[in-house]
């Protein structure tokens, strides 16, 4: 097992190479509880036995709906090692999405984390045509607990599990991960063991860490990004510590002093904002020194050959007086912080790196298991503002229109039950990403993402937002004529909203007659009108996941028209034109 070819081989690799390793660490009643490889393997076998006793067979789909926690990984390996397929589902999607995914994937058994999810799925079971069993990880009344699987499977022999494990081939399907398409309808990305194994092996070249190093995880492992990273940790013998929650990240970092963690830009933005807020409370000379040090850091270049002697001298002073404290405040041990899922502002990246935080940005997508490129100091180096260079074994080229095309062992086997969608994105072996890029410093060097070919975008937390369904739902309101969702790379999505002026006037004559006769611009700016539109937005929000819900929408008085250049002859929105026309309004939303 020293050379894993299936994902679940990682547990046996740990048992062979590092049997005394603290494979996983979880906070229980204020104390860190550690799990050795042998314990983990035994627990996965017990859950596998229970699944088999309930009739789960190789090739069957098992749902796993759970946040970041130790049990997720026990269940993940338990499903895979009997040849079944893990359908990893986000805990915060809508009921309609649950219904679609469960039916599309033919899920017959599901394990969820908590009471809320258990109750939600239970209420939907009549519309989930194949679902027979629901188990919960947390213990609470009137539910089936996942520990029942141990009792249920007590008569299944470990030898049976072992025989099924040996029969699993690297080319077999390991997982389905549903990702939203441009129509808003989820698509099941099929990833084989080989897809993900090739990706975490190639990713390991970035992580120059000793076995027993500490890695902190808090992102949901149902996301291909965090999942592959944890497989990387297990392959290298890095101890996986589960954060107690986003609100306790700072506290956990202080006590664990991790060597590595993954992050999304929103987290790093929050850390940066906190640092700047702390500095702004200083006065006099201390404030001037702080501001000067941050400005020095904001000019940092990771390529030493691009830094002058004079700059290096200033940097040394800035580090001694201020910047080293940033590094120490984050545990003082970091060797890697890997950021993905969306782009981070260049200024923030420079400040962190100048402070000694080894911050590296990458690029990937679920369909590529997920990593495609990464800034790697051990290969070509680091270029801020880019997503780095292709990882080993993965080819990247740009189409004539600049679309990023990818080929390699990490590319998915296709979309589940959707050969048409698969044929649209995989052409002659090349995956068409839908992103537009350019090369920096020559072909094959550093990739820069410059645009999205699709209308779909990511907020800074890494989640996709698909504008069309949200815009359509908003337009169902009789008080909203048109809407355009914005927020690519921002903390949250928002929208430009064109109200239905006649209907609003009619409403005002009944509800608030004193404002009904105001001129149009004054009328639309009135607090009562703003409140009414916000009520309509909140009504639409309830149909979408929490990360898709709109905040701080802005009302614009003029309709999008063909004559005004905002619409095509077929009435499609010219998003770039609209965004440019209202760039000040959009900028004010996200200040």
Protein backbone atom coordinates (compact mmCIF):
# COMPACT_ATOMS: atom_id res chain seq x y z
CA UNK A 1 0.00 0.00 0.00
CA UNK A 2 3.04 2.32 -0.08
CA UNK A 3 1.89 3.35 -3.55
CA UNK A 4 -1.88 3.86 -3.22
CA UNK A 5 -3.94 3.33 -6.37
CA UNK A 6 -7.38 3.56 -4.73
CA UNK A 7 -8.37 6.31 -2.30
CA UNK A 8 -9.03 3.98 0.64
CA UNK A 9 -5.48 2.53 0.28
CA UNK A 10 -4.36 5.67 2.14
CA UNK A 11 -5.50 4.25 5.48
CA UNK A 12 -3.42 1.11 5.01
CA UNK A 13 -0.43 3.17 3.84
CA UNK A 14 -0.58 5.05 7.15
CA UNK A 15 -0.85 1.80 9.12
CA UNK A 16 2.25 0.41 7.37
CA UNK A 17 4.47 3.50 7.40
CA UNK A 18 3.32 5.43 10.49
CA UNK A 19 1.31 3.07 12.76
CA UNK A 20 1.69 5.38 15.78
CA UNK A 21 0.67 8.49 13.85
CA UNK A 22 -2.19 10.65 15.14
CA UNK A 23 -4.06 10.26 11.86
CA UNK A 24 -7.01 12.46 12.89
CA UNK A 25 -7.61 14.85 15.80
CA UNK A 26 -11.01 16.10 17.03
CA UNK A 27 -11.88 18.33 19.99
CA UNK A 28 -14.11 16.44 22.46
CA UNK A 29 -15.18 18.10 25.74
CA UNK A 30 -12.32 20.58 25.49
CA UNK A 31 -9.61 17.99 24.81
CA UNK A 32 -8.08 16.83 21.54
CA UNK A 33 -8.90 13.20 20.88
CA UNK A 34 -6.54 11.37 18.51
CA UNK A 35 -7.25 8.43 16.21
CA UNK A 36 -4.49 6.02 15.16
CA UNK A 37 -4.54 4.36 11.69
CA UNK A 38 -5.53 0.94 13.10
CA UNK A 39 -8.54 2.45 14.92
CA UNK A 40 -9.64 4.28 11.80
CA UNK A 41 -9.38 1.13 9.67
CA UNK A 42 -11.41 -0.88 12.21
CA UNK A 43 -14.15 1.76 12.29
CA UNK A 44 -14.38 1.86 8.50
CA UNK A 45 -14.72 -1.94 8.38
CA UNK A 46 -17.54 -1.89 10.95
CA UNK A 47 -19.48 0.70 8.93
CA UNK A 48 -18.77 -1.22 5.70
CA UNK A 49 -20.21 -4.35 7.32
CA UNK A 50 -23.40 -2.52 8.24
CA UNK A 51 -23.82 -1.14 4.73
CA UNK A 52 -23.39 -4.63 3.27
CA UNK A 53 -25.92 -6.10 5.72
CA UNK A 54 -28.47 -3.54 4.50
CA UNK A 55 -27.94 -4.65 0.92
CA UNK A 56 -25.49 -2.02 -0.37
CA UNK A 57 -23.53 -3.58 -3.25
CA UNK A 58 -20.56 -2.51 -5.38
CA UNK A 59 -21.72 0.28 -7.68
CA UNK A 60 -24.57 1.42 -5.40
CA UNK A 61 -24.78 5.11 -4.49
CA UNK A 62 -24.69 6.16 -0.83
CA UNK A 63 -25.44 9.76 0.16
CA UNK A 64 -23.25 11.60 2.64
CA UNK A 65 -24.53 14.99 3.82
CA UNK A 66 -22.22 16.37 6.46
CA UNK A 67 -20.00 19.30 7.40
CA UNK A 68 -16.26 19.02 8.13
CA UNK A 69 -15.77 16.41 10.85
CA UNK A 70 -13.98 13.13 11.53
CA UNK A 71 -16.99 10.87 10.89
CA UNK A 72 -17.23 12.12 7.28
CA UNK A 73 -13.93 10.38 6.49
CA UNK A 74 -14.82 7.14 8.25
CA UNK A 75 -17.98 6.93 6.15
CA UNK A 76 -16.19 8.02 2.97
CA UNK A 77 -13.66 5.18 3.22
CA UNK A 78 -16.28 2.68 4.42
CA UNK A 79 -18.40 3.24 1.31
CA UNK A 80 -15.49 3.22 -1.12
CA UNK A 81 -13.76 0.09 0.13
CA UNK A 82 -16.78 -2.11 -0.69
CA UNK A 83 -16.93 -0.72 -4.22
CA UNK A 84 -19.92 1.53 -3.56
CA UNK A 85 -19.96 5.19 -4.65
CA UNK A 86 -19.94 8.19 -2.33
CA UNK A 87 -22.42 10.89 -3.30
CA UNK A 88 -21.00 13.83 -1.38
CA UNK A 89 -23.70 16.48 -0.91
CA UNK A 90 -23.48 19.98 0.55
CA UNK A 91 -25.38 20.42 3.84
CA UNK A 92 -26.80 23.83 2.86
CA UNK A 93 -28.57 23.36 -0.46
CA UNK A 94 -32.30 23.70 -1.14
CA UNK A 95 -34.92 20.95 -0.78
CA UNK A 96 -35.44 20.97 -4.55
CA UNK A 97 -31.73 20.30 -5.09
CA UNK A 98 -31.78 17.45 -2.54
CA UNK A 99 -34.72 15.90 -4.37
CA UNK A 100 -33.03 16.16 -7.74
CA UNK A 101 -29.65 14.80 -6.57
CA UNK A 102 -31.10 11.89 -4.58
CA UNK A 103 -33.30 10.81 -7.49
CA UNK A 104 -30.72 11.40 -10.20
CA UNK A 105 -28.08 9.42 -8.30
CA UNK A 106 -30.50 6.65 -7.25
CA UNK A 107 -29.41 7.00 -3.61
CA UNK A 108 -30.83 4.17 -1.50
CA UNK A 109 -29.12 4.95 1.82
CA UNK A 110 -28.05 8.28 3.26
CA UNK A 111 -26.02 9.33 6.31
CA UNK A 112 -26.44 12.91 7.55
CA UNK A 113 -24.74 14.78 10.35
CA UNK A 114 -27.40 16.48 12.47
CA UNK A 115 -31.04 16.66 13.51
CA UNK A 116 -31.95 19.45 11.10
CA UNK A 117 -30.64 17.52 8.08
CA UNK A 118 -32.22 14.29 9.33
CA UNK A 119 -35.62 15.97 9.60
CA UNK A 120 -35.30 17.70 6.22
CA UNK A 121 -34.39 14.52 4.34
CA UNK A 122 -37.04 12.54 6.24
CA UNK A 123 -39.75 14.98 5.10
CA UNK A 124 -38.59 14.58 1.50
CA UNK A 125 -38.37 10.78 1.52
CA UNK A 126 -41.72 10.29 -0.28
CA UNK A 127 -40.36 12.24 -3.26
CA UNK A 128 -36.99 10.43 -3.20
CA UNK A 129 -37.92 7.30 -5.08
CA UNK A 130 -35.02 5.01 -4.14
CA UNK A 131 -34.20 6.19 -0.62
CA UNK A 132 -34.82 3.47 1.98
CA UNK A 133 -32.57 4.32 4.94
CA UNK A 134 -31.52 7.52 6.70
CA UNK A 135 -28.98 7.51 9.52
CA UNK A 136 -27.66 10.44 11.59
CA UNK A 137 -24.20 10.89 13.07
CA UNK A 138 -25.36 13.02 16.01
CA UNK A 139 -27.50 11.25 18.61
CA UNK A 140 -31.04 12.52 19.24
CA UNK A 141 -34.50 10.98 19.84
CA UNK A 142 -36.67 9.51 17.08
CA UNK A 143 -33.82 8.87 14.69
CA UNK A 144 -31.61 6.05 13.49
CA UNK A 145 -28.00 6.56 14.53
CA UNK A 146 -25.09 5.57 12.32
CA UNK A 147 -23.67 3.43 15.15
CA UNK A 148 -26.57 1.03 14.49
CA UNK A 149 -24.65 0.01 11.38
CA UNK A 150 -22.05 -1.64 13.63
CA UNK A 151 -24.71 -3.86 15.23
CA UNK A 152 -26.47 -4.48 11.93
CA UNK A 153 -23.22 -5.67 10.33
CA UNK A 154 -21.89 -7.82 13.18
CA UNK A 155 -22.42 -11.04 11.23
CA UNK A 156 -20.55 -9.80 8.13
CA UNK A 157 -16.94 -10.99 8.12
CA UNK A 158 -14.00 -8.62 7.67
CA UNK A 159 -12.75 -11.08 5.06
CA UNK A 160 -15.79 -10.30 2.91
CA UNK A 161 -14.97 -6.58 3.09
CA UNK A 162 -11.34 -7.35 2.27
CA UNK A 163 -12.34 -9.38 -0.81
CA UNK A 164 -14.59 -6.57 -2.06
CA UNK A 165 -11.80 -4.03 -1.48
CA UNK A 166 -9.35 -6.09 -3.51
CA UNK A 167 -11.83 -6.18 -6.38
CA UNK A 168 -12.04 -2.37 -6.63
CA UNK A 169 -10.04 -1.14 -9.63
CA UNK A 170 -8.35 2.27 -9.93
CA UNK A 171 -10.57 3.00 -12.93
CA UNK A 172 -13.77 2.38 -10.93
CA UNK A 173 -16.03 5.26 -10.01
CA UNK A 174 -15.26 6.51 -6.49
CA UNK A 175 -17.59 9.46 -6.06
CA UNK A 176 -20.30 11.64 -7.55
CA UNK A 177 -20.10 15.35 -6.75
CA UNK A 178 -23.00 17.47 -7.96
CA UNK A 179 -22.11 20.89 -9.24
CA UNK A 180 -24.51 23.54 -10.49
CA UNK A 181 -24.75 24.06 -14.24
CA UNK A 182 -25.52 27.34 -15.97
CA UNK A 183 -29.21 26.43 -15.99
CA UNK A 184 -29.07 25.91 -12.23
CA UNK A 185 -29.74 22.18 -12.59
CA UNK A 186 -27.02 20.19 -10.79
CA UNK A 187 -24.75 17.88 -12.79
CA UNK A 188 -23.16 14.80 -11.24
CA UNK A 189 -19.39 14.88 -11.81
CA UNK A 190 -18.08 11.31 -11.98
CA UNK A 191 -14.60 10.95 -10.47
CA UNK A 192 -12.74 7.64 -10.44
CA UNK A 193 -10.19 6.52 -7.88
CA UNK A 194 -7.50 7.17 -10.47
CA UNK A 195 -8.77 10.72 -11.09
CA UNK A 196 -8.38 11.70 -7.44
CA UNK A 197 -5.29 9.60 -6.67
CA UNK A 198 -3.41 11.15 -9.61
CA UNK A 199 -4.41 14.59 -8.39
CA UNK A 200 -3.35 14.24 -4.76
CA UNK A 201 -0.05 12.60 -5.78
CA UNK A 202 0.74 15.48 -8.14
CA UNK A 203 -0.32 17.99 -5.48
CA UNK A 204 2.09 16.47 -2.96
CA UNK A 205 5.07 18.07 -4.71
CA UNK A 206 3.94 21.40 -3.27
CA UNK A 207 3.86 20.10 0.31
CA UNK A 208 7.40 19.71 1.62
CA UNK A 209 6.36 18.57 5.09
CA UNK A 210 7.48 15.81 7.44
CA UNK A 211 5.15 13.01 8.61
CA UNK A 212 3.55 14.11 11.86
CA UNK A 213 3.18 17.74 10.72
CA UNK A 214 -0.12 19.32 11.65
CA UNK A 215 -2.81 20.28 9.12
CA UNK A 216 -5.95 22.19 10.08
CA UNK A 217 -9.16 21.62 8.13
CA UNK A 218 -12.46 23.48 8.29
CA UNK A 219 -13.79 23.58 4.71
CA UNK A 220 -16.48 21.00 3.81
CA UNK A 221 -14.92 17.79 2.44
CA UNK A 222 -17.88 17.32 0.08
CA UNK A 223 -16.05 20.00 -1.95
CA UNK A 224 -13.46 18.33 -4.22
CA UNK A 225 -10.87 20.95 -3.17
CA UNK A 226 -10.76 20.18 0.55
CA UNK A 227 -11.35 16.49 0.00
CA UNK A 228 -8.28 16.11 -2.23
CA UNK A 229 -6.20 18.20 0.16
CA UNK A 230 -7.05 15.84 3.04
CA UNK A 231 -6.11 12.88 0.86
CA UNK A 232 -2.78 14.71 0.33
CA UNK A 233 -2.35 14.99 4.09
CA UNK A 234 -3.04 11.28 4.59
CA UNK A 235 -0.61 10.34 1.83
CA UNK A 236 2.17 12.32 3.54
CA UNK A 237 1.34 11.30 7.11
CA UNK A 238 0.21 14.80 8.08
CA UNK A 239 -2.03 14.83 11.17
CA UNK A 240 -5.51 16.12 10.28
CA UNK A 241 -7.01 18.44 12.92
CA UNK A 242 -10.69 19.37 12.56
CA UNK A 243 -11.45 22.98 13.45
CA UNK A 244 -14.33 23.43 15.87
CA UNK A 245 -16.02 25.84 13.47
CA UNK A 246 -15.32 29.00 11.54
CA UNK A 247 -15.86 31.11 14.66
CA UNK A 248 -13.10 29.23 16.49
CA UNK A 249 -10.50 29.15 13.70
CA UNK A 250 -8.28 31.73 15.42
CA UNK A 251 -8.42 29.90 18.74
CA UNK A 252 -7.69 26.54 17.11
CA UNK A 253 -4.72 27.96 15.17
CA UNK A 254 -3.27 29.35 18.41
CA UNK A 255 -3.42 26.00 20.21
CA UNK A 256 -2.59 23.65 17.32
CA UNK A 257 0.07 25.85 15.68
CA UNK A 258 -0.55 24.14 12.31
CA UNK A 259 2.06 23.77 9.60
CA UNK A 260 -0.52 23.86 6.81
CA UNK A 261 -4.13 24.69 6.09
CA UNK A 262 -6.32 25.49 3.14
CA UNK A 263 -8.27 28.70 2.90
CA UNK A 264 -10.76 30.50 0.73
CA UNK A 265 -10.22 34.19 -0.06
CA UNK A 266 -13.08 35.27 2.22
CA UNK A 267 -11.29 33.83 5.27
CA UNK A 268 -8.03 35.55 4.35
CA UNK A 269 -9.93 38.78 3.76
CA UNK A 270 -11.39 38.54 7.27
CA UNK A 271 -7.94 37.93 8.77
CA UNK A 272 -6.57 40.91 6.84
CA UNK A 273 -9.48 43.13 7.88
CA UNK A 274 -8.90 42.19 11.53
CA UNK A 275 -5.19 43.02 11.25
CA UNK A 276 -5.91 46.41 9.66
CA UNK A 277 -8.60 47.17 12.24
CA UNK A 278 -6.14 46.40 15.04
CA UNK A 279 -3.59 48.73 13.43
CA UNK A 280 -6.15 51.51 13.03
CA UNK A 281 -6.65 51.57 16.81
CA UNK A 282 -3.01 52.62 17.29
CA UNK A 283 -2.10 56.27 17.67
CA UNK A 284 0.87 58.54 17.10
CA UNK A 285 4.21 57.04 16.10
CA UNK A 286 2.99 53.44 16.48
CA UNK A 287 0.20 54.07 13.97
CA UNK A 288 2.62 55.64 11.49
CA UNK A 289 5.02 52.69 11.78
CA UNK A 290 2.16 50.21 11.32
CA UNK A 291 0.83 51.99 8.23
CA UNK A 292 4.35 52.27 6.76
CA UNK A 293 5.04 48.55 7.30
CA UNK A 294 1.75 47.55 5.62
CA UNK A 295 2.57 49.77 2.62
CA UNK A 296 6.02 48.17 2.35
CA UNK A 297 4.39 44.74 2.47
CA UNK A 298 1.88 45.73 -0.22
CA UNK A 299 4.80 46.16 -2.67
CA UNK A 300 6.26 42.70 -1.95
CA UNK A 301 7.44 40.49 -4.84
CA UNK A 302 7.90 36.78 -4.03
CA UNK A 303 10.54 36.52 -6.78
CA UNK A 304 13.68 37.69 -4.95
CA UNK A 305 15.34 38.73 -8.22
CA UNK A 306 12.66 41.41 -8.63
CA UNK A 307 13.34 43.02 -5.25
CA UNK A 308 15.95 45.77 -4.93
CA UNK A 309 18.51 45.93 -2.12
CA UNK A 310 16.84 49.10 -0.83
CA UNK A 311 13.45 47.35 -0.72
CA UNK A 312 14.89 44.32 1.07
CA UNK A 313 16.35 46.62 3.74
CA UNK A 314 12.97 48.31 4.25
CA UNK A 315 11.28 44.90 4.35
CA UNK A 316 13.67 43.65 7.03
CA UNK A 317 12.84 46.66 9.22
CA UNK A 318 9.09 46.32 8.54
CA UNK A 319 9.22 42.66 9.49
CA UNK A 320 11.12 43.30 12.71
CA UNK A 321 8.81 46.11 13.82
CA UNK A 322 5.40 44.89 12.62
CA UNK A 323 5.07 42.11 10.05
CA UNK A 324 6.58 39.23 12.06
CA UNK A 325 3.75 39.72 14.54
CA UNK A 326 1.25 38.82 11.80
CA UNK A 327 3.02 35.49 11.30
CA UNK A 328 3.29 34.81 15.03
CA UNK A 329 -0.40 35.65 15.52
CA UNK A 330 -1.22 32.76 13.16
CA UNK A 331 0.63 30.18 15.19
CA UNK A 332 4.15 30.89 13.95
CA UNK A 333 4.58 27.49 12.25
CA UNK A 334 2.96 27.77 8.83
CA UNK A 335 4.87 26.22 5.93
CA UNK A 336 1.92 26.36 3.51
CA UNK A 337 -1.42 28.14 3.22
CA UNK A 338 -3.13 27.03 0.02
CA UNK A 339 -5.90 29.25 -1.33
CA UNK A 340 -8.38 28.23 -3.97
CA UNK A 341 -12.01 28.34 -5.11
CA UNK A 342 -11.81 32.04 -6.02
CA UNK A 343 -9.20 34.73 -6.53
CA UNK A 344 -7.66 36.75 -3.70
CA UNK A 345 -6.87 40.44 -3.98
CA UNK A 346 -3.22 40.92 -4.92
CA UNK A 347 -2.59 43.45 -2.14
CA UNK A 348 -3.73 41.01 0.55
CA UNK A 349 -1.60 38.20 -0.90
CA UNK A 350 1.48 40.48 -0.94
CA UNK A 351 0.98 41.60 2.67
CA UNK A 352 0.66 38.01 3.88
CA UNK A 353 3.67 36.79 1.94
CA UNK A 354 5.79 39.75 3.08
CA UNK A 355 4.88 38.76 6.64
CA UNK A 356 6.42 35.34 6.07
CA UNK A 357 3.17 33.47 5.50
CA UNK A 358 3.79 30.98 2.67
CA UNK A 359 0.61 31.74 0.78
CA UNK A 360 0.05 29.99 -2.56
CA UNK A 361 -2.92 30.39 -4.89
CA UNK A 362 -4.17 27.68 -7.25
CA UNK A 363 -6.91 26.94 -9.76
CA UNK A 364 -9.14 23.97 -10.33
CA UNK A 365 -12.67 22.73 -10.75
CA UNK A 366 -14.68 19.74 -9.59
CA UNK A 367 -14.40 18.22 -13.07
CA UNK A 368 -10.60 18.04 -12.68
CA UNK A 369 -10.46 16.40 -9.23
CA UNK A 370 -9.90 19.48 -8.74
CA UNK A 371 -6.36 20.91 -9.07
CA UNK A 372 -5.13 22.16 -12.45
CA UNK A 373 -2.50 24.78 -11.63
CA UNK A 374 -0.84 26.14 -8.49
CA UNK A 375 1.87 28.59 -7.52
CA UNK A 376 4.67 26.29 -6.42
CA UNK A 377 7.94 27.69 -4.99
CA UNK A 378 9.59 24.29 -5.54
CA UNK A 379 8.94 24.26 -9.30
CA UNK A 380 8.57 27.45 -11.36
CA UNK A 381 8.02 29.76 -8.40
CA UNK A 382 5.23 32.12 -7.37
CA UNK A 383 3.63 34.98 -9.30
CA UNK A 384 1.01 37.03 -7.47
CA UNK A 385 -2.05 37.68 -9.60
CA UNK A 386 -1.75 34.30 -11.30
CA UNK A 387 -2.97 30.83 -10.36
CA UNK A 388 0.44 29.30 -10.99
CA UNK A 389 1.63 26.62 -13.38
CA UNK A 390 0.15 23.23 -14.35
CA UNK A 391 0.75 20.40 -11.90
CA UNK A 392 2.70 17.33 -13.01
CA UNK A 393 0.92 15.13 -15.53
CA UNK A 394 -1.67 17.78 -16.44
CA UNK A 395 -1.62 19.61 -19.75
CA UNK A 396 -3.12 23.07 -20.15
CA UNK A 397 -3.58 25.02 -23.37
CA UNK A 398 -5.63 28.00 -24.47
CA UNK A 399 -8.19 27.84 -27.27
CA UNK A 400 -8.33 30.58 -29.92
CA UNK A 401 -10.80 32.54 -27.82
CA UNK A 402 -8.61 32.13 -24.73
CA UNK A 403 -10.70 29.40 -23.10
CA UNK A 404 -8.63 27.21 -20.77
CA UNK A 405 -8.49 23.58 -21.93
CA UNK A 406 -7.24 20.76 -19.71
CA UNK A 407 -6.11 17.20 -20.37
CA UNK A 408 -4.79 14.67 -17.86
CA UNK A 409 -5.57 11.75 -15.56
CA UNK A 410 -7.45 14.13 -13.25
CA UNK A 411 -10.19 14.92 -15.79
CA UNK A 412 -13.56 13.41 -14.83
CA UNK A 413 -15.00 10.40 -16.61
CA UNK A 414 -18.08 12.50 -17.42
CA UNK A 415 -21.37 13.81 -16.06
CA UNK A 416 -23.62 11.11 -14.60
CA UNK A 417 -26.55 10.18 -16.88
CA UNK A 418 -25.74 13.22 -19.02
CA UNK A 419 -23.73 12.26 -22.11
CA UNK A 420 -24.85 15.40 -23.94
CA UNK A 421 -23.38 17.71 -21.30
CA UNK A 422 -20.23 15.55 -21.19
CA UNK A 423 -19.80 15.84 -24.97
CA UNK A 424 -20.15 19.61 -24.72
CA UNK A 425 -17.20 20.01 -22.35
CA UNK A 426 -14.86 17.12 -23.25
CA UNK A 427 -13.84 17.39 -26.89
CA UNK A 428 -11.02 15.28 -28.32
CA UNK A 429 -9.88 14.49 -24.79
CA UNK A 430 -9.66 18.15 -23.74
CA UNK A 431 -11.90 19.51 -20.99
CA UNK A 432 -13.27 22.94 -21.87
CA UNK A 433 -13.34 24.80 -18.54
CA UNK A 434 -15.48 27.77 -19.51
CA UNK A 435 -12.82 30.09 -18.07
CA UNK A 436 -10.75 32.51 -20.15
CA UNK A 437 -7.05 32.74 -19.36
CA UNK A 438 -3.73 34.08 -20.53
CA UNK A 439 -0.14 33.02 -19.97
CA UNK A 440 2.26 35.22 -18.01
CA UNK A 441 6.01 34.94 -18.81
CA UNK A 442 5.42 32.60 -21.76
CA UNK A 443 3.30 29.61 -22.68
CA UNK A 444 3.03 26.97 -19.97
CA UNK A 445 4.46 29.24 -17.27
CA UNK A 446 1.98 31.14 -15.09
CA UNK A 447 -1.74 31.08 -15.83
CA UNK A 448 -3.86 34.14 -15.21
CA UNK A 449 -7.67 33.92 -15.15
CA UNK A 450 -9.01 36.96 -16.98
CA UNK A 451 -12.69 36.24 -17.49
CA UNK A 452 -15.45 33.67 -17.26
CA UNK A 453 -16.88 32.37 -20.47
CA UNK A 454 -19.98 31.33 -18.59
CA UNK A 455 -22.25 33.72 -16.75
CA UNK A 456 -21.84 31.64 -13.61
CA UNK A 457 -19.42 33.17 -11.09
CA UNK A 458 -17.85 32.50 -7.70
CA UNK A 459 -18.11 34.63 -4.59
CA UNK A 460 -14.97 34.95 -2.45
CA UNK A 461 -16.03 32.04 -0.22
CA UNK A 462 -15.59 29.77 -3.22
CA UNK A 463 -19.24 28.93 -3.90
CA UNK A 464 -20.73 29.20 -7.39
CA UNK A 465 -23.61 31.56 -8.03
CA UNK A 466 -25.73 31.01 -11.15
CA UNK A 467 -27.44 34.33 -12.01
CA UNK A 468 -30.23 33.22 -14.36
CA UNK A 469 -32.46 31.29 -11.89
CA UNK A 470 -32.12 34.08 -9.30
CA UNK A 471 -32.90 36.78 -11.85
CA UNK A 472 -35.90 34.81 -13.10
CA UNK A 473 -37.23 34.37 -9.57
CA UNK A 474 -36.84 38.11 -8.86
CA UNK A 475 -38.69 38.96 -12.07
CA UNK A 476 -41.65 36.88 -10.91
CA UNK A 477 -42.44 39.74 -8.54
CA UNK A 478 -44.90 42.22 -10.02
CA UNK A 479 -42.77 44.99 -8.54
CA UNK A 480 -39.54 43.95 -10.31
CA UNK A 481 -39.21 44.38 -14.07
CA UNK A 482 -35.59 43.28 -14.59
CA UNK A 483 -32.59 42.24 -12.52
CA UNK A 484 -28.92 41.45 -13.03
CA UNK A 485 -27.04 39.51 -10.36
CA UNK A 486 -23.50 40.72 -9.62
CA UNK A 487 -20.77 39.80 -7.15
CA UNK A 488 -18.00 37.84 -8.92
CA UNK A 489 -15.18 37.49 -6.37
CA UNK A 490 -17.06 39.52 -3.74
CA UNK A 491 -18.18 38.42 -0.26
CA UNK A 492 -21.79 37.94 -1.33
CA UNK A 493 -24.00 38.24 -4.42
CA UNK A 494 -26.16 41.27 -5.01
CA UNK A 495 -28.23 42.62 -7.87
CA UNK A 496 -29.09 45.66 -9.91
CA UNK A 497 -32.88 45.84 -9.85
CA UNK A 498 -35.10 47.67 -12.32
CA UNK A 499 -38.47 48.10 -10.59
CA UNK A 500 -41.86 47.95 -12.27
CA UNK A 501 -42.65 51.62 -11.79
CA UNK A 502 -46.41 51.57 -12.62
CA UNK A 503 -47.07 48.69 -10.20
CA UNK A 504 -45.05 50.35 -7.46
CA UNK A 505 -46.97 53.61 -7.94
CA UNK A 506 -50.25 51.71 -7.68
CA UNK A 507 -49.05 50.00 -4.50
CA UNK A 508 -47.92 53.32 -3.01
CA UNK A 509 -51.29 54.99 -3.61
CA UNK A 510 -52.82 52.43 -1.25
CA UNK A 511 -49.97 51.79 1.21
CA UNK A 512 -48.15 55.15 1.47
CA UNK A 513 -50.19 57.73 -0.49
CA UNK A 514 -47.98 60.63 0.63
CA UNK A 515 -45.12 59.45 -1.62
CA UNK A 516 -47.16 58.38 -4.67
CA UNK A 517 -46.92 61.75 -6.40
CA UNK A 518 -43.17 62.18 -5.99
CA UNK A 519 -41.02 62.43 -9.15
CA UNK A 520 -39.74 59.03 -10.31
CA UNK A 521 -36.16 59.34 -9.05
CA UNK A 522 -37.24 60.67 -5.65
CA UNK A 523 -39.95 58.03 -5.42
CA UNK A 524 -37.51 55.15 -6.09
CA UNK A 525 -35.05 56.48 -3.51
CA UNK A 526 -37.68 56.73 -0.78
CA UNK A 527 -37.13 54.41 2.20
CA UNK A 528 -40.64 52.89 1.90
CA UNK A 529 -40.00 51.89 -1.73
CA UNK A 530 -36.56 50.53 -0.83
CA UNK A 531 -38.19 48.51 1.95
CA UNK A 532 -40.82 47.12 -0.43
CA UNK A 533 -38.20 45.98 -2.97
CA UNK A 534 -36.13 44.43 -0.17
CA UNK A 535 -39.19 42.43 0.90
CA UNK A 536 -39.49 41.09 -2.65
CA UNK A 537 -35.79 40.19 -2.67
CA UNK A 538 -36.14 38.33 0.63
CA UNK A 539 -39.13 36.45 -0.81
CA UNK A 540 -36.98 35.31 -3.75
CA UNK A 541 -34.00 34.49 -1.52
CA UNK A 542 -35.86 31.66 0.22
CA UNK A 543 -35.65 29.56 -2.96
CA UNK A 544 -31.84 29.53 -2.97
CA UNK A 545 -28.92 28.29 -0.90
CA UNK A 546 -27.60 30.66 1.77
CA UNK A 547 -24.52 31.63 -0.30
CA UNK A 548 -26.77 32.55 -3.28
CA UNK A 549 -29.00 34.87 -1.29
CA UNK A 550 -28.79 38.52 -2.31
CA UNK A 551 -27.75 41.35 -0.02
CA UNK A 552 -27.69 45.15 -0.42
CA UNK A 553 -29.40 45.25 -3.81
CA UNK A 554 -29.51 48.59 -5.60
CA UNK A 555 -32.48 50.04 -7.49
CA UNK A 556 -31.74 51.59 -10.87
CA UNK A 557 -34.42 53.72 -12.57
CA UNK A 558 -33.94 52.89 -16.26
CA UNK A 559 -34.82 49.64 -18.01
CA UNK A 560 -32.26 47.57 -19.91
CA UNK A 561 -33.08 48.03 -23.60
CA UNK A 562 -31.79 47.11 -27.06
CA UNK A 563 -31.63 50.80 -27.90
CA UNK A 564 -29.60 51.55 -24.79
CA UNK A 565 -27.10 48.84 -25.68
CA UNK A 566 -27.83 46.73 -22.59
CA UNK A 567 -29.70 43.97 -24.45
CA UNK A 568 -28.96 41.95 -27.58
CA UNK A 569 -31.54 41.72 -30.39
CA UNK A 570 -32.70 38.46 -28.78
CA UNK A 571 -33.10 40.31 -25.45
CA UNK A 572 -30.12 38.70 -23.70
CA UNK A 573 -28.33 40.91 -21.19
CA UNK A 574 -24.98 42.35 -22.21
CA UNK A 575 -23.55 41.86 -18.75
CA UNK A 576 -20.24 43.61 -19.33
CA UNK A 577 -21.97 46.66 -20.80
CA UNK A 578 -24.40 46.87 -17.87
CA UNK A 579 -21.63 46.32 -15.32
CA UNK A 580 -19.57 49.12 -16.89
CA UNK A 581 -22.55 51.49 -17.06
CA UNK A 582 -23.36 50.95 -13.38
CA UNK A 583 -19.85 50.32 -12.07
CA UNK A 584 -20.16 53.07 -9.45
CA UNK A 585 -23.40 51.63 -8.08
CA UNK A 586 -21.91 48.12 -8.03
CA UNK A 587 -18.74 49.37 -6.34
CA UNK A 588 -20.81 51.06 -3.62
CA UNK A 589 -22.61 47.77 -2.87
CA UNK A 590 -19.37 46.03 -1.92
CA UNK A 591 -17.59 48.85 -0.10
